[in-house]
Amino acid sequence: MRYKSGYKEQKRQELLDISGQLAKKNGFNATGVDGFMKAAGVTSGAFYSHFSSKNDLFKALIENELQHSIQMWQDNPHDEPSQWIDFELNRYLALSHVEQPDRGCALPSLASEIARSDDEIKQAYQNELIRGQKIFLKYLDSEETAWAVMCQLVGTILMARSVTDTDLKRTLLESSKKSIKALIAYSATE
């Protein structure tokens, strides 16, 4: 059967997007190839026409997910640094991001699995993470502050997802916003 030009690339992207949502919600290692393919509406046999192994899928998924995050940061409508960071704090540190991991950033959901992965996966993650950090650096003017803000954002979402009380989730989100703003203000005076 012949497919239209670009069909395979389009199907691969669909598989990555759906697999990313499932992995962020349930965990990558907890979901088998059959589970990913079932969610995508294709047979498990179709998996191997797109990926050589589950590890290959994980690497591609990480790159895809982090590229989505990078694109969101690049699409931030503000150029002025304080407006840019306020926009990102409000977007990232939102209750909806806590409660819908399948729709959010892969970092809080998958970082612990990445940490237990092989060096090829870690390198793919590192490459995209550094690309993202450069965007933060552009607006924060300090390498250390950019890394610290990214770490605090991810850690806050992870902690907020780990508690049941909605008021506590909101407290974690708001206290982190204040802490990040204080860090940025302090860094600007150094």
C-alpha atoms as a PDB file:
ATOM      1  CA  MET A   1       0.000   0.000   0.000  1.00  0.00           C
ATOM      2  CA  ARG A   2       1.400   3.378  -0.996  1.00  0.00           C
ATOM      3  CA  TYR A   3       0.934   6.375   1.253  1.00  0.00           C
ATOM      4  CA  LYS A   4       0.938  10.067   0.407  1.00  0.00           C
ATOM      5  CA  SER A   5       4.198  11.939   0.736  1.00  0.00           C
ATOM      6  CA  GLY A   6       4.780  12.913   4.362  1.00  0.00           C
ATOM      7  CA  TYR A   7       2.355  10.314   5.750  1.00  0.00           C
ATOM      8  CA  LYS A   8       5.012   8.396   7.673  1.00  0.00           C
ATOM      9  CA  GLU A   9       6.427  11.577   9.244  1.00  0.00           C
ATOM     10  CA  GLN A  10       2.926  12.739  10.163  1.00  0.00           C
ATOM     11  CA  LYS A  11       2.063   9.371  11.732  1.00  0.00           C
ATOM     12  CA  ARG A  12       5.367   9.354  13.659  1.00  0.00           C
ATOM     13  CA  GLN A  13       4.568  12.819  15.025  1.00  0.00           C
ATOM     14  CA  GLU A  14       1.092  11.662  16.073  1.00  0.00           C
ATOM     15  CA  LEU A  15       2.630   8.648  17.823  1.00  0.00           C
ATOM     16  CA  LEU A  16       5.091  10.900  19.644  1.00  0.00           C
ATOM     17  CA  ASP A  17       2.382  13.353  20.714  1.00  0.00           C
ATOM     18  CA  ILE A  18       0.033  10.650  21.988  1.00  0.00           C
ATOM     19  CA  SER A  19       2.848   8.654  23.596  1.00  0.00           C
ATOM     20  CA  GLY A  20       4.075  11.839  25.264  1.00  0.00           C
ATOM     21  CA  GLN A  21       0.676  12.510  26.792  1.00  0.00           C
ATOM     22  CA  LEU A  22       0.406   8.945  28.058  1.00  0.00           C
ATOM     23  CA  ALA A  23       3.973   8.877  29.408  1.00  0.00           C
ATOM     24  CA  LYS A  24       3.503  12.180  31.240  1.00  0.00           C
ATOM     25  CA  LYS A  25       0.279  10.929  32.798  1.00  0.00           C
ATOM     26  CA  ASN A  26       1.194   7.324  33.665  1.00  0.00           C
ATOM     27  CA  GLY A  27       4.977   7.174  33.371  1.00  0.00           C
ATOM     28  CA  PHE A  28       7.023   5.968  30.440  1.00  0.00           C
ATOM     29  CA  ASN A  29       8.353   2.752  31.973  1.00  0.00           C
ATOM     30  CA  ALA A  30       4.927   1.848  33.350  1.00  0.00           C
ATOM     31  CA  THR A  31       3.460   1.871  29.844  1.00  0.00           C
ATOM     32  CA  GLY A  32       4.294  -0.865  27.395  1.00  0.00           C
ATOM     33  CA  VAL A  33       4.660  -0.545  23.650  1.00  0.00           C
ATOM     34  CA  ASP A  34       1.190  -2.079  23.294  1.00  0.00           C
ATOM     35  CA  GLY A  35      -0.254   0.629  25.550  1.00  0.00           C
ATOM     36  CA  PHE A  36       1.349   3.440  23.564  1.00  0.00           C
ATOM     37  CA  MET A  37       0.230   2.009  20.245  1.00  0.00           C
ATOM     38  CA  LYS A  38      -3.284   1.262  21.467  1.00  0.00           C
ATOM     39  CA  ALA A  39      -3.630   4.871  22.631  1.00  0.00           C
ATOM     40  CA  ALA A  40      -2.462   5.986  19.189  1.00  0.00           C
ATOM     41  CA  GLY A  41      -4.929   3.679  17.457  1.00  0.00           C
ATOM     42  CA  VAL A  42      -2.325   1.600  15.629  1.00  0.00           C
ATOM     43  CA  THR A  43      -1.103  -1.963  15.937  1.00  0.00           C
ATOM     44  CA  SER A  44       1.973  -2.842  17.933  1.00  0.00           C
ATOM     45  CA  GLY A  45       3.549  -4.030  14.707  1.00  0.00           C
ATOM     46  CA  ALA A  46       3.311  -0.480  13.339  1.00  0.00           C
ATOM     47  CA  PHE A  47       5.576   0.624  16.183  1.00  0.00           C
ATOM     48  CA  TYR A  48       8.640  -0.898  14.524  1.00  0.00           C
ATOM     49  CA  SER A  49       8.092   1.000  11.294  1.00  0.00           C
ATOM     50  CA  HIS A  50       8.701   4.187  13.315  1.00  0.00           C
ATOM     51  CA  PHE A  51      11.013   3.206  16.181  1.00  0.00           C
ATOM     52  CA  SER A  52      13.701   0.555  16.534  1.00  0.00           C
ATOM     53  CA  SER A  53      13.019  -0.030  20.245  1.00  0.00           C
ATOM     54  CA  LYS A  54      11.178   1.341  23.256  1.00  0.00           C
ATOM     55  CA  ASN A  55      14.404   3.159  24.144  1.00  0.00           C
ATOM     56  CA  ASP A  56      14.344   4.801  20.691  1.00  0.00           C
ATOM     57  CA  LEU A  57      10.762   5.912  21.352  1.00  0.00           C
ATOM     58  CA  PHE A  58      11.775   7.372  24.732  1.00  0.00           C
ATOM     59  CA  LYS A  59      14.623   9.368  23.189  1.00  0.00           C
ATOM     60  CA  ALA A  60      12.383  10.705  20.419  1.00  0.00           C
ATOM     61  CA  LEU A  61       9.619  11.450  22.922  1.00  0.00           C
ATOM     62  CA  ILE A  62      11.969  13.454  25.170  1.00  0.00           C
ATOM     63  CA  GLU A  63      13.269  15.467  22.238  1.00  0.00           C
ATOM     64  CA  ASN A  64       9.744  16.078  20.969  1.00  0.00           C
ATOM     65  CA  GLU A  65       8.349  17.097  24.357  1.00  0.00           C
ATOM     66  CA  LEU A  66      11.200  19.449  25.188  1.00  0.00           C
ATOM     67  CA  GLN A  67      10.997  20.996  21.730  1.00  0.00           C
ATOM     68  CA  HIS A  68       7.327  21.761  22.492  1.00  0.00           C
ATOM     69  CA  SER A  69       8.363  23.476  25.741  1.00  0.00           C
ATOM     70  CA  ILE A  70      11.084  25.433  23.961  1.00  0.00           C
ATOM     71  CA  GLN A  71       8.597  26.529  21.320  1.00  0.00           C
ATOM     72  CA  MET A  72       6.200  27.756  24.010  1.00  0.00           C
ATOM     73  CA  TRP A  73       8.986  29.793  25.639  1.00  0.00           C
ATOM     74  CA  GLN A  74       9.945  31.232  22.249  1.00  0.00           C
ATOM     75  CA  ASP A  75       6.306  32.084  21.522  1.00  0.00           C
ATOM     76  CA  ASN A  76       5.944  34.090  24.728  1.00  0.00           C
ATOM     77  CA  PRO A  77       4.467  37.363  23.413  1.00  0.00           C
ATOM     78  CA  HIS A  78       6.645  39.590  25.641  1.00  0.00           C
ATOM     79  CA  ASP A  79      10.104  40.936  24.893  1.00  0.00           C
ATOM     80  CA  GLU A  80      10.634  42.921  28.076  1.00  0.00           C
ATOM     81  CA  PRO A  81      12.318  40.592  30.634  1.00  0.00           C
ATOM     82  CA  SER A  82      10.009  41.182  33.613  1.00  0.00           C
ATOM     83  CA  GLN A  83       6.902  40.732  31.464  1.00  0.00           C
ATOM     84  CA  TRP A  84       8.401  37.632  29.843  1.00  0.00           C
ATOM     85  CA  ILE A  85       9.140  35.976  33.191  1.00  0.00           C
ATOM     86  CA  ASP A  86       5.767  36.990  34.696  1.00  0.00           C
ATOM     87  CA  PHE A  87       4.022  35.415  31.713  1.00  0.00           C
ATOM     88  CA  GLU A  88       6.046  32.198  32.117  1.00  0.00           C
ATOM     89  CA  LEU A  89       5.520  32.030  35.880  1.00  0.00           C
ATOM     90  CA  ASN A  90       1.771  32.408  35.457  1.00  0.00           C
ATOM     91  CA  ARG A  91       1.625  29.903  32.610  1.00  0.00           C
ATOM     92  CA  TYR A  92       3.904  27.257  34.127  1.00  0.00           C
ATOM     93  CA  LEU A  93       2.985  27.592  37.793  1.00  0.00           C
ATOM     94  CA  ALA A  94      -0.718  27.128  37.175  1.00  0.00           C
ATOM     95  CA  LEU A  95      -3.073  24.719  38.904  1.00  0.00           C
ATOM     96  CA  SER A  96      -4.116  23.385  35.493  1.00  0.00           C
ATOM     97  CA  HIS A  97      -0.488  22.383  34.837  1.00  0.00           C
ATOM     98  CA  VAL A  98      -0.435  20.531  38.150  1.00  0.00           C
ATOM     99  CA  GLU A  99      -3.710  18.736  37.548  1.00  0.00           C
ATOM    100  CA  GLN A 100      -3.186  17.878  33.866  1.00  0.00           C
ATOM    101  CA  PRO A 101       0.302  16.381  33.552  1.00  0.00           C
ATOM    102  CA  ASP A 102      -0.537  14.924  30.134  1.00  0.00           C
ATOM    103  CA  ARG A 103      -0.981  18.465  28.785  1.00  0.00           C
ATOM    104  CA  GLY A 104       2.071  19.988  30.457  1.00  0.00           C
ATOM    105  CA  CYS A 105       5.824  19.981  30.467  1.00  0.00           C
ATOM    106  CA  ALA A 106       7.615  16.632  30.400  1.00  0.00           C
ATOM    107  CA  LEU A 107      10.271  17.679  32.902  1.00  0.00           C
ATOM    108  CA  PRO A 108       8.297  17.185  36.142  1.00  0.00           C
ATOM    109  CA  SER A 109       6.750  13.961  34.830  1.00  0.00           C
ATOM    110  CA  LEU A 110       9.711  12.206  33.274  1.00  0.00           C
ATOM    111  CA  ALA A 111      12.914  13.557  34.863  1.00  0.00           C
ATOM    112  CA  SER A 112      13.217  10.699  37.372  1.00  0.00           C
ATOM    113  CA  GLU A 113      12.842   8.124  34.583  1.00  0.00           C
ATOM    114  CA  ILE A 114      15.382   9.979  32.477  1.00  0.00           C
ATOM    115  CA  ALA A 115      17.792   9.939  35.439  1.00  0.00           C
ATOM    116  CA  ARG A 116      17.589   6.121  35.479  1.00  0.00           C
ATOM    117  CA  SER A 117      18.073   5.831  31.705  1.00  0.00           C
ATOM    118  CA  ASP A 118      21.181   5.204  29.647  1.00  0.00           C
ATOM    119  CA  ASP A 119      23.601   7.901  28.555  1.00  0.00           C
ATOM    120  CA  GLU A 120      22.019   8.262  25.104  1.00  0.00           C
ATOM    121  CA  ILE A 121      18.689   9.265  26.690  1.00  0.00           C
ATOM    122  CA  LYS A 122      20.406  11.554  29.193  1.00  0.00           C
ATOM    123  CA  GLN A 123      22.376  13.228  26.400  1.00  0.00           C
ATOM    124  CA  ALA A 124      19.226  13.873  24.351  1.00  0.00           C
ATOM    125  CA  TYR A 125      17.598  15.367  27.457  1.00  0.00           C
ATOM    126  CA  GLN A 126      20.664  17.461  28.256  1.00  0.00           C
ATOM    127  CA  ASN A 127      20.878  18.850  24.719  1.00  0.00           C
ATOM    128  CA  GLU A 128      17.268  20.054  24.755  1.00  0.00           C
ATOM    129  CA  LEU A 129      17.505  21.280  28.350  1.00  0.00           C
ATOM    130  CA  ILE A 130      20.481  23.465  27.433  1.00  0.00           C
ATOM    131  CA  ARG A 131      18.547  24.889  24.472  1.00  0.00           C
ATOM    132  CA  GLY A 132      15.719  25.812  26.842  1.00  0.00           C
ATOM    133  CA  GLN A 133      18.079  27.325  29.394  1.00  0.00           C
ATOM    134  CA  LYS A 134      19.484  29.652  26.720  1.00  0.00           C
ATOM    135  CA  ILE A 135      16.019  31.135  26.267  1.00  0.00           C
ATOM    136  CA  PHE A 136      15.720  31.782  30.005  1.00  0.00           C
ATOM    137  CA  LEU A 137      19.248  33.216  30.011  1.00  0.00           C
ATOM    138  CA  LYS A 138      18.233  35.740  27.355  1.00  0.00           C
ATOM    139  CA  TYR A 139      15.661  37.209  29.743  1.00  0.00           C
ATOM    140  CA  LEU A 140      17.401  36.677  33.076  1.00  0.00           C
ATOM    141  CA  ASP A 141      20.975  37.731  32.149  1.00  0.00           C
ATOM    142  CA  SER A 142      22.534  35.225  34.542  1.00  0.00           C
ATOM    143  CA  GLU A 143      23.425  31.634  33.805  1.00  0.00           C
ATOM    144  CA  GLU A 144      22.954  30.621  37.436  1.00  0.00           C
ATOM    145  CA  THR A 145      19.619  32.413  37.771  1.00  0.00           C
ATOM    146  CA  ALA A 146      18.321  30.843  34.570  1.00  0.00           C
ATOM    147  CA  TRP A 147      19.186  27.349  35.825  1.00  0.00           C
ATOM    148  CA  ALA A 148      17.790  28.075  39.293  1.00  0.00           C
ATOM    149  CA  VAL A 149      14.487  29.360  37.902  1.00  0.00           C
ATOM    150  CA  MET A 150      14.088  26.336  35.635  1.00  0.00           C
ATOM    151  CA  CYS A 151      14.840  23.975  38.527  1.00  0.00           C
ATOM    152  CA  GLN A 152      12.392  25.727  40.816  1.00  0.00           C
ATOM    153  CA  LEU A 153       9.644  25.676  38.197  1.00  0.00           C
ATOM    154  CA  VAL A 154       9.997  21.939  37.644  1.00  0.00           C
ATOM    155  CA  GLY A 155      10.377  21.154  41.337  1.00  0.00           C
ATOM    156  CA  THR A 156       7.311  23.189  42.253  1.00  0.00           C
ATOM    157  CA  ILE A 157       5.106  21.338  39.775  1.00  0.00           C
ATOM    158  CA  LEU A 158       6.449  17.995  40.972  1.00  0.00           C
ATOM    159  CA  MET A 159       5.788  18.846  44.617  1.00  0.00           C
ATOM    160  CA  ALA A 160       2.328  20.259  43.906  1.00  0.00           C
ATOM    161  CA  ARG A 161       1.422  17.075  42.034  1.00  0.00           C
ATOM    162  CA  SER A 162       2.514  15.052  45.048  1.00  0.00           C
ATOM    163  CA  VAL A 163      -0.095  16.444  47.443  1.00  0.00           C
ATOM    164  CA  THR A 164      -3.867  16.040  47.522  1.00  0.00           C
ATOM    165  CA  ASP A 165      -4.987  19.310  49.103  1.00  0.00           C
ATOM    166  CA  THR A 166      -5.856  21.916  46.458  1.00  0.00           C
ATOM    167  CA  ASP A 167      -5.199  24.819  48.815  1.00  0.00           C
ATOM    168  CA  LEU A 168      -1.712  23.466  49.521  1.00  0.00           C
ATOM    169  CA  LYS A 169      -1.102  23.097  45.772  1.00  0.00           C
ATOM    170  CA  ARG A 170      -2.029  26.756  45.296  1.00  0.00           C
ATOM    171  CA  THR A 171       0.215  27.767  48.208  1.00  0.00           C
ATOM    172  CA  LEU A 172       3.155  25.926  46.676  1.00  0.00           C
ATOM    173  CA  LEU A 173       2.569  27.581  43.302  1.00  0.00           C
ATOM    174  CA  GLU A 174       2.198  31.101  44.697  1.00  0.00           C
ATOM    175  CA  SER A 175       5.105  30.832  47.126  1.00  0.00           C
ATOM    176  CA  SER A 176       7.327  29.641  44.318  1.00  0.00           C
ATOM    177  CA  LYS A 177       6.304  32.583  42.129  1.00  0.00           C
ATOM    178  CA  LYS A 178       7.229  34.982  44.929  1.00  0.00           C
ATOM    179  CA  SER A 179      10.498  33.198  45.602  1.00  0.00           C
ATOM    180  CA  ILE A 180      11.502  33.244  41.928  1.00  0.00           C
ATOM    181  CA  LYS A 181      10.698  36.954  41.642  1.00  0.00           C
ATOM    182  CA  ALA A 182      12.765  37.635  44.758  1.00  0.00           C
ATOM    183  CA  LEU A 183      15.678  35.602  43.341  1.00  0.00           C
ATOM    184  CA  ILE A 184      15.510  37.524  40.061  1.00  0.00           C
ATOM    185  CA  ALA A 185      15.381  40.863  41.865  1.00  0.00           C
ATOM    186  CA  TYR A 186      18.323  39.880  44.060  1.00  0.00           C
ATOM    187  CA  SER A 187      20.327  38.640  41.055  1.00  0.00           C
ATOM    188  CA  ALA A 188      19.727  41.929  39.264  1.00  0.00           C
ATOM    189  CA  THR A 189      21.353  43.864  42.138  1.00  0.00           C
ATOM    190  CA  GLU A 190      24.564  41.810  42.142  1.00  0.00           C
END
